[in-house]
Amino acid sequence: MLLQNKNRRSYIERFTVMLLAALFTVYLVSCSQEQKGPPKPKARPTVSADTMQAAKTKIDIHNAMAVIETDKGAIEVEFFADVAPKTVENFLKNARLEYYNHATFHRVEPGKLIQAGSRFPTEDTIAIETSDHQPARGILAMAKAEGATVADATQFFICLDTIILDSDYTLFGQVTKGLEVVDSIAVGDQIMTVKVREKG
């Protein structure tokens, strides 16, 4: 009986030591791993007070145009505010917040399109606004991921010719001047500024 109690006590002591060793190991491993905080927010451009005020100033989207000044020359565009009002308003806001300034044309498909967007990566999206407009030469459209049901809120492309798109895209404007500049754009060319003003 005494031997049995001694064996039981020895077993309990060994079990306790092993349990404490295991807990201590878990503690050491968890302390040695880097602490991960909440995900860091995506960087947004810092803008001046004047730029913020300009962005807040309402402009009649039905009477707006923009000049995309590139390192190859100027591209003037007018918008389809009647069929894509939210997209036009979003593009104008991004332009006035200078999100497109110093962005590069990162995608060029010869004979099809050139694409650029904010130089600040975001995951912002915007609802697709469909219309009867066709993706023809000089048309501006919002980019989107393949199969997506929403468009990227800061990425846009300009058609170099009539193209076939696999699904619905928001076509929100057209080039009125500077198609020769559009044709000359290569990957890495830069948007210097996008200035918004009223037509006329």
C-alpha atoms as a PDB file:
ATOM      1  CA  MET A   1       0.000   0.000   0.000  1.00  0.00           C
ATOM      2  CA  LEU A   2       2.829   2.347   0.926  1.00  0.00           C
ATOM      3  CA  LEU A   3       4.593   1.495  -2.334  1.00  0.00           C
ATOM      4  CA  GLN A   4       1.426   2.142  -4.309  1.00  0.00           C
ATOM      5  CA  ASN A   5       0.983   5.618  -2.705  1.00  0.00           C
ATOM      6  CA  LYS A   6       4.632   6.379  -3.362  1.00  0.00           C
ATOM      7  CA  ASN A   7       4.270   5.429  -7.048  1.00  0.00           C
ATOM      8  CA  ARG A   8       1.105   7.513  -7.348  1.00  0.00           C
ATOM      9  CA  ARG A   9       2.801  10.536  -5.756  1.00  0.00           C
ATOM     10  CA  SER A  10       5.829  10.083  -8.023  1.00  0.00           C
ATOM     11  CA  TYR A  11       3.525   9.868 -11.057  1.00  0.00           C
ATOM     12  CA  ILE A  12       1.668  13.061 -10.019  1.00  0.00           C
ATOM     13  CA  GLU A  13       4.952  14.893  -9.454  1.00  0.00           C
ATOM     14  CA  ARG A  14       6.283  13.876 -12.880  1.00  0.00           C
ATOM     15  CA  PHE A  15       2.994  14.821 -14.549  1.00  0.00           C
ATOM     16  CA  THR A  16       3.010  18.221 -12.805  1.00  0.00           C
ATOM     17  CA  VAL A  17       6.612  18.893 -13.854  1.00  0.00           C
ATOM     18  CA  MET A  18       5.862  17.941 -17.480  1.00  0.00           C
ATOM     19  CA  LEU A  19       2.721  20.106 -17.518  1.00  0.00           C
ATOM     20  CA  LEU A  20       4.605  23.092 -16.112  1.00  0.00           C
ATOM     21  CA  ALA A  21       7.420  22.558 -18.629  1.00  0.00           C
ATOM     22  CA  ALA A  22       4.905  22.454 -21.495  1.00  0.00           C
ATOM     23  CA  LEU A  23       3.162  25.625 -20.290  1.00  0.00           C
ATOM     24  CA  PHE A  24       6.497  27.390 -19.870  1.00  0.00           C
ATOM     25  CA  THR A  25       7.522  26.368 -23.424  1.00  0.00           C
ATOM     26  CA  VAL A  26       4.257  27.738 -24.839  1.00  0.00           C
ATOM     27  CA  TYR A  27       4.832  30.965 -22.917  1.00  0.00           C
ATOM     28  CA  LEU A  28       8.405  31.327 -24.252  1.00  0.00           C
ATOM     29  CA  VAL A  29       7.341  30.653 -27.839  1.00  0.00           C
ATOM     30  CA  SER A  30       4.510  33.179 -27.667  1.00  0.00           C
ATOM     31  CA  CYS A  31       6.819  35.816 -26.177  1.00  0.00           C
ATOM     32  CA  SER A  32       9.465  35.278 -28.844  1.00  0.00           C
ATOM     33  CA  GLN A  33       7.066  35.865 -31.742  1.00  0.00           C
ATOM     34  CA  GLU A  34       6.676  39.391 -33.071  1.00  0.00           C
ATOM     35  CA  GLN A  35       3.612  41.132 -31.812  1.00  0.00           C
ATOM     36  CA  LYS A  36       1.287  41.966 -34.673  1.00  0.00           C
ATOM     37  CA  GLY A  37      -0.929  44.973 -34.223  1.00  0.00           C
ATOM     38  CA  PRO A  38      -3.980  45.863 -36.239  1.00  0.00           C
ATOM     39  CA  PRO A  39      -3.406  46.137 -39.998  1.00  0.00           C
ATOM     40  CA  LYS A  40      -1.847  49.402 -41.051  1.00  0.00           C
ATOM     41  CA  PRO A  41      -4.167  51.660 -43.028  1.00  0.00           C
ATOM     42  CA  LYS A  42      -3.356  52.272 -46.676  1.00  0.00           C
ATOM     43  CA  ALA A  43      -1.396  55.448 -47.263  1.00  0.00           C
ATOM     44  CA  ARG A  44      -3.435  58.346 -48.547  1.00  0.00           C
ATOM     45  CA  PRO A  45      -1.880  61.423 -50.048  1.00  0.00           C
ATOM     46  CA  THR A  46      -1.403  64.401 -47.829  1.00  0.00           C
ATOM     47  CA  VAL A  47      -3.106  67.372 -49.374  1.00  0.00           C
ATOM     48  CA  SER A  48      -2.922  71.051 -48.610  1.00  0.00           C
ATOM     49  CA  ALA A  49      -5.773  73.033 -47.084  1.00  0.00           C
ATOM     50  CA  ASP A  50      -6.279  74.781 -50.443  1.00  0.00           C
ATOM     51  CA  THR A  51      -6.571  71.434 -52.206  1.00  0.00           C
ATOM     52  CA  MET A  52      -9.066  70.174 -49.617  1.00  0.00           C
ATOM     53  CA  GLN A  53     -11.135  73.338 -50.052  1.00  0.00           C
ATOM     54  CA  ALA A  54     -11.055  72.966 -53.836  1.00  0.00           C
ATOM     55  CA  ALA A  55     -12.240  69.363 -53.500  1.00  0.00           C
ATOM     56  CA  LYS A  56     -15.171  70.471 -51.352  1.00  0.00           C
ATOM     57  CA  THR A  57     -16.190  73.152 -53.829  1.00  0.00           C
ATOM     58  CA  LYS A  58     -19.065  71.761 -55.832  1.00  0.00           C
ATOM     59  CA  ILE A  59     -18.823  71.892 -59.576  1.00  0.00           C
ATOM     60  CA  ASP A  60     -21.695  71.205 -61.938  1.00  0.00           C
ATOM     61  CA  ILE A  61     -20.768  67.733 -63.188  1.00  0.00           C
ATOM     62  CA  HIS A  62     -22.910  68.304 -66.295  1.00  0.00           C
ATOM     63  CA  ASN A  63     -20.750  71.298 -67.235  1.00  0.00           C
ATOM     64  CA  ALA A  64     -17.366  69.925 -66.141  1.00  0.00           C
ATOM     65  CA  MET A  65     -14.334  68.954 -68.151  1.00  0.00           C
ATOM     66  CA  ALA A  66     -10.806  67.965 -67.201  1.00  0.00           C
ATOM     67  CA  VAL A  67      -7.353  68.452 -68.651  1.00  0.00           C
ATOM     68  CA  ILE A  68      -5.032  65.509 -68.029  1.00  0.00           C
ATOM     69  CA  GLU A  69      -1.552  66.990 -68.379  1.00  0.00           C
ATOM     70  CA  THR A  70       0.963  64.226 -69.143  1.00  0.00           C
ATOM     71  CA  ASP A  71       4.678  64.309 -69.840  1.00  0.00           C
ATOM     72  CA  LYS A  72       3.694  63.746 -73.500  1.00  0.00           C
ATOM     73  CA  GLY A  73       1.133  66.589 -73.673  1.00  0.00           C
ATOM     74  CA  ALA A  74      -2.435  67.490 -72.697  1.00  0.00           C
ATOM     75  CA  ILE A  75      -5.558  65.336 -73.003  1.00  0.00           C
ATOM     76  CA  GLU A  76      -8.893  67.152 -72.674  1.00  0.00           C
ATOM     77  CA  VAL A  77     -11.942  65.143 -71.626  1.00  0.00           C
ATOM     78  CA  GLU A  78     -15.648  65.750 -71.198  1.00  0.00           C
ATOM     79  CA  PHE A  79     -17.939  63.551 -69.147  1.00  0.00           C
ATOM     80  CA  PHE A  80     -21.129  61.509 -69.502  1.00  0.00           C
ATOM     81  CA  ALA A  81     -22.659  62.930 -66.327  1.00  0.00           C
ATOM     82  CA  ASP A  82     -26.170  62.096 -67.503  1.00  0.00           C
ATOM     83  CA  VAL A  83     -25.512  58.320 -67.428  1.00  0.00           C
ATOM     84  CA  ALA A  84     -22.618  58.025 -64.944  1.00  0.00           C
ATOM     85  CA  PRO A  85     -23.114  60.826 -62.393  1.00  0.00           C
ATOM     86  CA  LYS A  86     -21.557  59.060 -59.383  1.00  0.00           C
ATOM     87  CA  THR A  87     -18.500  57.981 -61.377  1.00  0.00           C
ATOM     88  CA  VAL A  88     -18.005  61.460 -62.844  1.00  0.00           C
ATOM     89  CA  GLU A  89     -18.342  63.017 -59.392  1.00  0.00           C
ATOM     90  CA  ASN A  90     -15.834  60.483 -57.996  1.00  0.00           C
ATOM     91  CA  PHE A  91     -13.308  61.133 -60.797  1.00  0.00           C
ATOM     92  CA  LEU A  92     -13.595  64.910 -60.341  1.00  0.00           C
ATOM     93  CA  LYS A  93     -13.138  64.557 -56.577  1.00  0.00           C
ATOM     94  CA  ASN A  94     -10.032  62.375 -57.055  1.00  0.00           C
ATOM     95  CA  ALA A  95      -8.629  64.910 -59.533  1.00  0.00           C
ATOM     96  CA  ARG A  96      -9.232  67.846 -57.196  1.00  0.00           C
ATOM     97  CA  LEU A  97      -7.617  65.917 -54.321  1.00  0.00           C
ATOM     98  CA  GLU A  98      -4.593  65.448 -56.622  1.00  0.00           C
ATOM     99  CA  TYR A  99      -4.761  61.637 -56.388  1.00  0.00           C
ATOM    100  CA  TYR A 100      -3.788  61.344 -60.067  1.00  0.00           C
ATOM    101  CA  ASN A 101      -0.893  63.825 -59.933  1.00  0.00           C
ATOM    102  CA  HIS A 102       2.410  62.066 -60.753  1.00  0.00           C
ATOM    103  CA  ALA A 103       0.674  58.728 -61.362  1.00  0.00           C
ATOM    104  CA  THR A 104       2.055  56.559 -64.145  1.00  0.00           C
ATOM    105  CA  PHE A 105       0.380  54.785 -67.000  1.00  0.00           C
ATOM    106  CA  HIS A 106       1.099  51.259 -65.793  1.00  0.00           C
ATOM    107  CA  ARG A 107      -0.835  49.332 -68.448  1.00  0.00           C
ATOM    108  CA  VAL A 108      -0.691  49.844 -72.199  1.00  0.00           C
ATOM    109  CA  GLU A 109      -2.275  47.383 -74.614  1.00  0.00           C
ATOM    110  CA  PRO A 110      -1.374  48.612 -78.124  1.00  0.00           C
ATOM    111  CA  GLY A 111      -4.444  49.223 -80.236  1.00  0.00           C
ATOM    112  CA  LYS A 112      -6.699  48.672 -77.218  1.00  0.00           C
ATOM    113  CA  LEU A 113      -6.200  50.881 -74.160  1.00  0.00           C
ATOM    114  CA  ILE A 114      -3.973  52.815 -71.787  1.00  0.00           C
ATOM    115  CA  GLN A 115      -4.589  52.661 -68.028  1.00  0.00           C
ATOM    116  CA  ALA A 116      -3.611  54.816 -65.068  1.00  0.00           C
ATOM    117  CA  GLY A 117      -4.942  55.619 -61.632  1.00  0.00           C
ATOM    118  CA  SER A 118      -4.138  56.987 -58.235  1.00  0.00           C
ATOM    119  CA  ARG A 119      -0.523  56.460 -57.195  1.00  0.00           C
ATOM    120  CA  PHE A 120      -1.842  55.578 -53.735  1.00  0.00           C
ATOM    121  CA  PRO A 121      -3.024  51.944 -53.620  1.00  0.00           C
ATOM    122  CA  THR A 122      -6.547  51.574 -52.327  1.00  0.00           C
ATOM    123  CA  GLU A 123      -9.212  48.933 -52.321  1.00  0.00           C
ATOM    124  CA  ASP A 124     -11.967  51.511 -52.812  1.00  0.00           C
ATOM    125  CA  THR A 125     -14.704  50.526 -55.233  1.00  0.00           C
ATOM    126  CA  ILE A 126     -17.631  52.250 -56.899  1.00  0.00           C
ATOM    127  CA  ALA A 127     -20.856  50.872 -58.336  1.00  0.00           C
ATOM    128  CA  ILE A 128     -20.906  50.212 -62.068  1.00  0.00           C
ATOM    129  CA  GLU A 129     -23.130  52.604 -64.033  1.00  0.00           C
ATOM    130  CA  THR A 130     -24.086  51.080 -67.376  1.00  0.00           C
ATOM    131  CA  SER A 131     -25.183  53.003 -70.459  1.00  0.00           C
ATOM    132  CA  ASP A 132     -25.621  52.731 -74.214  1.00  0.00           C
ATOM    133  CA  HIS A 133     -22.166  54.222 -74.825  1.00  0.00           C
ATOM    134  CA  GLN A 134     -19.736  51.888 -76.558  1.00  0.00           C
ATOM    135  CA  PRO A 135     -16.037  51.373 -75.698  1.00  0.00           C
ATOM    136  CA  ALA A 136     -14.795  53.231 -78.787  1.00  0.00           C
ATOM    137  CA  ARG A 137     -11.693  55.313 -79.507  1.00  0.00           C
ATOM    138  CA  GLY A 138     -11.191  58.047 -76.917  1.00  0.00           C
ATOM    139  CA  ILE A 139     -13.739  56.711 -74.398  1.00  0.00           C
ATOM    140  CA  LEU A 140     -12.846  56.790 -70.681  1.00  0.00           C
ATOM    141  CA  ALA A 141     -13.891  53.842 -68.508  1.00  0.00           C
ATOM    142  CA  MET A 142     -13.332  52.763 -64.931  1.00  0.00           C
ATOM    143  CA  ALA A 143     -11.151  49.668 -64.568  1.00  0.00           C
ATOM    144  CA  LYS A 144     -12.254  46.637 -62.595  1.00  0.00           C
ATOM    145  CA  ALA A 145     -11.003  43.188 -61.712  1.00  0.00           C
ATOM    146  CA  GLU A 146     -12.078  40.382 -64.012  1.00  0.00           C
ATOM    147  CA  GLY A 147     -15.544  39.180 -63.028  1.00  0.00           C
ATOM    148  CA  ALA A 148     -16.020  41.972 -60.465  1.00  0.00           C
ATOM    149  CA  THR A 149     -19.454  43.505 -59.990  1.00  0.00           C
ATOM    150  CA  VAL A 150     -17.997  46.855 -58.901  1.00  0.00           C
ATOM    151  CA  ALA A 151     -15.369  49.121 -60.461  1.00  0.00           C
ATOM    152  CA  ASP A 152     -12.104  50.298 -58.950  1.00  0.00           C
ATOM    153  CA  ALA A 153     -12.703  53.820 -57.614  1.00  0.00           C
ATOM    154  CA  THR A 154      -9.348  55.255 -58.743  1.00  0.00           C
ATOM    155  CA  GLN A 155      -8.215  53.262 -61.813  1.00  0.00           C
ATOM    156  CA  PHE A 156      -9.385  54.319 -65.273  1.00  0.00           C
ATOM    157  CA  PHE A 157      -8.511  53.563 -68.873  1.00  0.00           C
ATOM    158  CA  ILE A 158      -8.825  55.290 -72.232  1.00  0.00           C
ATOM    159  CA  CYS A 159      -9.736  53.247 -75.306  1.00  0.00           C
ATOM    160  CA  LEU A 160      -7.301  53.503 -78.216  1.00  0.00           C
ATOM    161  CA  ASP A 161      -9.857  51.970 -80.578  1.00  0.00           C
ATOM    162  CA  THR A 162     -13.208  50.198 -80.391  1.00  0.00           C
ATOM    163  CA  ILE A 163     -12.669  47.254 -78.072  1.00  0.00           C
ATOM    164  CA  ILE A 164     -14.724  44.333 -76.830  1.00  0.00           C
ATOM    165  CA  LEU A 165     -15.169  44.197 -73.065  1.00  0.00           C
ATOM    166  CA  ASP A 166     -16.123  40.956 -71.350  1.00  0.00           C
ATOM    167  CA  SER A 167     -18.847  42.467 -69.160  1.00  0.00           C
ATOM    168  CA  ASP A 168     -20.319  45.710 -67.853  1.00  0.00           C
ATOM    169  CA  TYR A 169     -17.968  48.653 -67.385  1.00  0.00           C
ATOM    170  CA  THR A 170     -18.700  52.259 -66.490  1.00  0.00           C
ATOM    171  CA  LEU A 171     -17.996  54.408 -69.556  1.00  0.00           C
ATOM    172  CA  PHE A 172     -17.939  57.918 -68.127  1.00  0.00           C
ATOM    173  CA  GLY A 173     -16.297  60.312 -70.579  1.00  0.00           C
ATOM    174  CA  GLN A 174     -14.524  60.911 -73.862  1.00  0.00           C
ATOM    175  CA  VAL A 175     -11.394  62.613 -75.110  1.00  0.00           C
ATOM    176  CA  THR A 176     -12.271  65.824 -76.965  1.00  0.00           C
ATOM    177  CA  LYS A 177      -8.717  66.953 -77.672  1.00  0.00           C
ATOM    178  CA  GLY A 178      -5.329  65.249 -77.526  1.00  0.00           C
ATOM    179  CA  LEU A 179      -5.967  61.834 -79.084  1.00  0.00           C
ATOM    180  CA  GLU A 180      -2.467  62.023 -80.574  1.00  0.00           C
ATOM    181  CA  VAL A 181      -1.154  62.281 -77.003  1.00  0.00           C
ATOM    182  CA  VAL A 182      -3.242  59.257 -75.992  1.00  0.00           C
ATOM    183  CA  ASP A 183      -1.742  57.314 -78.920  1.00  0.00           C
ATOM    184  CA  SER A 184       1.813  58.210 -77.850  1.00  0.00           C
ATOM    185  CA  ILE A 185       1.510  57.034 -74.223  1.00  0.00           C
ATOM    186  CA  ALA A 186       3.832  54.186 -73.202  1.00  0.00           C
ATOM    187  CA  VAL A 187       4.157  52.250 -69.946  1.00  0.00           C
ATOM    188  CA  GLY A 188       5.843  54.500 -67.389  1.00  0.00           C
ATOM    189  CA  ASP A 189       4.667  57.794 -68.884  1.00  0.00           C
ATOM    190  CA  GLN A 190       3.335  60.092 -66.215  1.00  0.00           C
ATOM    191  CA  ILE A 191       0.268  62.163 -65.458  1.00  0.00           C
ATOM    192  CA  MET A 192       1.581  65.474 -64.160  1.00  0.00           C
ATOM    193  CA  THR A 193      -1.769  66.973 -63.107  1.00  0.00           C
ATOM    194  CA  VAL A 194      -5.489  66.622 -63.727  1.00  0.00           C
ATOM    195  CA  LYS A 195      -7.183  70.027 -63.685  1.00  0.00           C
ATOM    196  CA  VAL A 196     -10.963  70.303 -63.470  1.00  0.00           C
ATOM    197  CA  ARG A 197     -12.800  73.272 -64.924  1.00  0.00           C
ATOM    198  CA  GLU A 198     -16.107  74.260 -66.452  1.00  0.00           C
ATOM    199  CA  LYS A 199     -16.635  73.838 -70.191  1.00  0.00           C
ATOM    200  CA  GLY A 200     -16.289  76.864 -72.420  1.00  0.00           C
END
